[in-house]
Amino acid sequence: MYHVQLRQFPHVTREFNLDADALRSRILAPWLAGETIQSGDRRWAPERARLTIYEGRALRPEEIGMGRGWANVTRTAEDVTARLLSEAEAAAEVAGDPAAARATTSSELQRTKELILARSASEGGLTLRGCVGLAGGSRLGARASERMALAEQAVWELLHAGAVQLVCEESAVAPEDWQRVLLDWEAWSGQASHRVRLACG
């Protein structure tokens, strides 16, 4: 059985004991298509909400009541979110549904941008290598090249939106020099002789 959590701060909803068909039709299919999901008393948009799916045994009613349901899920079941989304995306591509695949990529990009923006606001900013790590968290199980491409696109979009600054040592990099810096592999690997980071714009 599958147990689902949808979270968009400060709201959260959970559903327990879904079978594979219900999970696919009510959760995975609309999520990949970029459509809102009706759960609880709210509608959840993939570009703003965070989806978590666990697979495990069915929970008994007494295990769900009194707010104990999700604690029992995380204790007895396995987080299969990344695997199921990856499998569903692959199935959509095979079935000739590029819209679902594009929606998934768009959602991952948005999450990566949000993570990068939040970390860039911290003292000391965020290195480009750190951006790749955050992209890996948005797309678990992805190849290194895919995480790198996702991080690079997120950084470019944030720079062009003026949300972050590209900083080399302690000086902001001029827009005409962004490409030169971002095409340097050593800047992304952390091996550059000069420290390149992102800071809030």
Protein backbone atom coordinates (compact mmCIF):
# COMPACT_ATOMS: atom_id res chain seq x y z
CA MET A 1 0.00 0.00 0.00
CA TYR A 2 1.03 3.63 -0.50
CA HIS A 3 0.90 6.57 1.89
CA VAL A 4 1.08 10.12 0.55
CA GLN A 5 1.94 13.51 2.01
CA LEU A 6 1.48 16.86 0.25
CA ARG A 7 3.10 19.87 1.89
CA GLN A 8 3.04 23.55 1.07
CA PHE A 9 4.07 25.57 4.08
CA PRO A 10 2.25 26.01 6.38
CA HIS A 11 -0.28 23.46 5.07
CA VAL A 12 0.02 19.68 4.93
CA THR A 13 -2.33 16.82 4.05
CA ARG A 14 -1.83 13.05 4.20
CA GLU A 15 -3.59 10.06 2.71
CA PHE A 16 -3.08 6.49 3.84
CA ASN A 17 -3.59 3.03 2.36
CA LEU A 18 -3.83 3.94 -1.33
CA ASP A 19 -3.56 1.08 -3.81
CA ALA A 20 -1.43 1.37 -6.96
CA ASP A 21 -4.35 2.36 -9.20
CA ALA A 22 -5.51 5.12 -6.86
CA LEU A 23 -1.98 6.44 -6.49
CA ARG A 24 -1.47 6.49 -10.25
CA SER A 25 -4.78 8.09 -11.20
CA ARG A 26 -5.24 10.55 -8.32
CA ILE A 27 -1.65 11.54 -7.53
CA LEU A 28 1.06 10.59 -10.03
CA ALA A 29 -0.77 11.28 -13.31
CA PRO A 30 -1.92 14.83 -12.46
CA TRP A 31 1.39 15.60 -10.73
CA LEU A 32 3.43 14.72 -13.81
CA ALA A 33 1.00 16.61 -16.05
CA GLY A 34 1.43 19.74 -13.94
CA GLU A 35 -2.21 19.67 -12.85
CA THR A 36 -3.50 20.47 -9.37
CA ILE A 37 -4.33 17.59 -7.03
CA GLN A 38 -7.40 17.58 -4.82
CA SER A 39 -6.53 16.16 -1.40
CA GLY A 40 -8.09 16.98 1.92
CA ASP A 41 -9.82 20.35 1.71
CA ARG A 42 -7.22 21.93 -0.58
CA ARG A 43 -5.92 21.80 -4.13
CA TRP A 44 -2.16 21.28 -4.47
CA ALA A 45 -0.10 22.61 -7.39
CA PRO A 46 3.06 20.63 -8.31
CA GLU A 47 5.12 23.78 -8.82
CA ARG A 48 4.49 24.90 -5.23
CA ALA A 49 3.85 21.75 -3.19
CA ARG A 50 6.20 18.96 -2.11
CA LEU A 51 5.08 15.37 -2.68
CA THR A 52 6.26 12.43 -0.54
CA ILE A 53 5.23 8.82 -1.13
CA TYR A 54 5.93 5.85 1.14
CA GLU A 55 5.34 2.19 0.30
CA GLY A 56 4.62 -0.34 3.02
CA ARG A 57 1.95 -2.36 4.74
CA ALA A 58 -1.59 -1.08 5.24
CA LEU A 59 -2.09 0.79 8.49
CA ARG A 60 -4.89 -0.16 10.82
CA PRO A 61 -7.37 2.56 11.85
CA GLU A 62 -5.92 2.73 15.36
CA GLU A 63 -2.47 3.33 13.86
CA ILE A 64 -3.72 6.37 11.94
CA GLY A 65 -5.83 8.08 14.61
CA MET A 66 -4.69 10.69 17.13
CA GLY A 67 -2.17 12.12 14.68
CA ARG A 68 0.02 9.00 14.81
CA GLY A 69 -0.41 7.95 11.17
CA TRP A 70 2.58 9.63 9.53
CA ALA A 71 4.95 8.68 12.35
CA ASN A 72 3.94 5.05 11.82
CA VAL A 73 4.41 5.42 8.06
CA THR A 74 7.97 6.76 8.35
CA ARG A 75 8.79 4.06 10.91
CA THR A 76 7.45 1.05 9.01
CA ALA A 77 7.48 2.00 5.29
CA GLU A 78 10.01 3.06 2.63
CA ASP A 79 10.23 6.44 0.92
CA VAL A 80 9.75 5.64 -2.78
CA THR A 81 9.01 9.16 -4.05
CA ALA A 82 12.02 9.50 -6.36
CA ARG A 83 11.68 5.99 -7.78
CA LEU A 84 7.97 6.23 -8.52
CA LEU A 85 8.23 9.67 -10.11
CA SER A 86 11.15 8.51 -12.24
CA GLU A 87 9.30 5.38 -13.34
CA ALA A 88 6.12 7.33 -14.08
CA GLU A 89 8.04 9.94 -16.07
CA ALA A 90 9.76 7.24 -18.10
CA ALA A 91 6.42 5.55 -18.74
CA ALA A 92 4.93 8.85 -19.92
CA GLU A 93 7.80 9.35 -22.37
CA VAL A 94 7.42 5.82 -23.72
CA ALA A 95 3.69 6.39 -24.07
CA GLY A 96 4.35 9.55 -26.06
CA ASP A 97 3.24 12.07 -23.44
CA PRO A 98 5.97 14.73 -23.60
CA ALA A 99 3.76 17.22 -21.73
CA ALA A 100 4.03 15.12 -18.57
CA ALA A 101 7.78 14.87 -18.94
CA ARG A 102 8.10 18.64 -19.48
CA ALA A 103 5.91 19.37 -16.46
CA THR A 104 8.09 17.18 -14.26
CA THR A 105 11.26 18.94 -15.45
CA SER A 106 9.66 22.34 -14.87
CA SER A 107 8.67 21.36 -11.35
CA GLU A 108 12.19 20.10 -10.57
CA LEU A 109 13.69 23.32 -11.93
CA GLN A 110 11.41 25.45 -9.76
CA ARG A 111 12.28 23.47 -6.64
CA THR A 112 16.00 23.72 -7.41
CA LYS A 113 15.74 27.49 -7.86
CA GLU A 114 13.91 27.83 -4.55
CA LEU A 115 16.56 25.78 -2.74
CA ILE A 116 19.42 27.73 -4.32
CA LEU A 117 17.78 31.06 -3.51
CA ALA A 118 17.23 30.08 0.12
CA ARG A 119 20.82 28.87 0.59
CA SER A 120 22.26 31.88 -1.21
CA ALA A 121 20.70 34.09 1.45
CA SER A 122 22.81 32.45 4.16
CA GLU A 123 26.03 34.03 5.40
CA GLY A 124 28.82 33.24 2.97
CA GLY A 125 26.44 32.48 0.09
CA LEU A 126 26.41 29.23 -1.88
CA THR A 127 29.13 27.74 -4.07
CA LEU A 128 28.35 26.47 -7.55
CA ARG A 129 29.29 22.98 -6.38
CA GLY A 130 26.66 23.38 -3.68
CA CYS A 131 24.10 24.22 -6.38
CA VAL A 132 24.74 20.85 -8.03
CA GLY A 133 24.21 19.15 -4.68
CA LEU A 134 20.86 20.89 -4.26
CA ALA A 135 19.86 19.84 -7.78
CA GLY A 136 20.65 16.26 -6.79
CA GLY A 137 18.21 16.58 -3.91
CA SER A 138 15.49 17.74 -6.30
CA ARG A 139 16.06 14.86 -8.68
CA LEU A 140 17.22 11.85 -6.71
CA GLY A 141 18.60 9.06 -8.82
CA ALA A 142 19.45 11.36 -11.73
CA ARG A 143 22.77 11.09 -13.56
CA ALA A 144 25.50 13.55 -12.65
CA SER A 145 25.17 15.24 -16.06
CA GLU A 146 21.43 15.75 -15.49
CA ARG A 147 22.00 17.28 -12.06
CA MET A 148 24.68 19.55 -13.50
CA ALA A 149 22.38 20.70 -16.32
CA LEU A 150 19.55 21.33 -13.86
CA ALA A 151 21.80 23.36 -11.56
CA GLU A 152 23.23 25.38 -14.45
CA GLN A 153 19.80 26.25 -15.81
CA ALA A 154 18.56 27.23 -12.36
CA VAL A 155 21.57 29.51 -11.79
CA TRP A 156 21.19 31.18 -15.20
CA GLU A 157 17.49 31.88 -14.62
CA LEU A 158 18.09 33.26 -11.13
CA LEU A 159 20.88 35.52 -12.41
CA HIS A 160 18.77 36.88 -15.27
CA ALA A 161 15.88 37.47 -12.87
CA GLY A 162 18.18 39.49 -10.60
CA ALA A 163 17.43 37.16 -7.69
CA VAL A 164 21.09 36.31 -7.04
CA GLN A 165 24.52 37.74 -7.75
CA LEU A 166 27.51 35.82 -9.06
CA VAL A 167 30.49 36.64 -6.86
CA CYS A 168 34.15 35.84 -7.57
CA GLU A 169 36.35 36.30 -4.51
CA GLU A 170 34.54 39.29 -2.99
CA SER A 171 33.53 41.11 -6.18
CA ALA A 172 30.27 40.80 -8.12
CA VAL A 173 30.77 39.42 -11.63
CA ALA A 174 29.46 41.69 -14.39
CA PRO A 175 26.66 40.19 -16.54
CA GLU A 176 28.87 40.18 -19.63
CA ASP A 177 31.29 37.89 -17.75
CA TRP A 178 28.72 35.39 -16.43
CA GLN A 179 29.19 33.01 -19.35
CA ARG A 180 32.97 32.94 -19.03
CA VAL A 181 32.73 32.10 -15.32
CA LEU A 182 29.90 29.57 -15.60
CA LEU A 183 31.56 27.71 -18.47
CA ASP A 184 34.60 27.05 -16.28
CA TRP A 185 34.32 23.47 -15.01
CA GLU A 186 36.65 24.19 -12.11
CA ALA A 187 34.19 26.78 -10.79
CA TRP A 188 31.53 24.05 -10.51
CA SER A 189 33.87 21.38 -9.16
CA GLY A 190 35.25 23.62 -6.43
CA GLN A 191 38.80 23.27 -7.79
CA ALA A 192 39.15 26.82 -9.08
CA SER A 193 41.92 28.94 -7.59
CA HIS A 194 39.36 31.68 -6.99
CA ARG A 195 36.18 31.20 -4.97
CA VAL A 196 32.98 31.53 -6.99
CA ARG A 197 29.68 31.71 -5.16
CA LEU A 198 26.12 32.96 -5.35
CA ALA A 199 24.77 35.63 -3.03
CA CYS A 200 21.32 37.13 -2.81
CA GLY A 201 20.89 39.95 -5.31
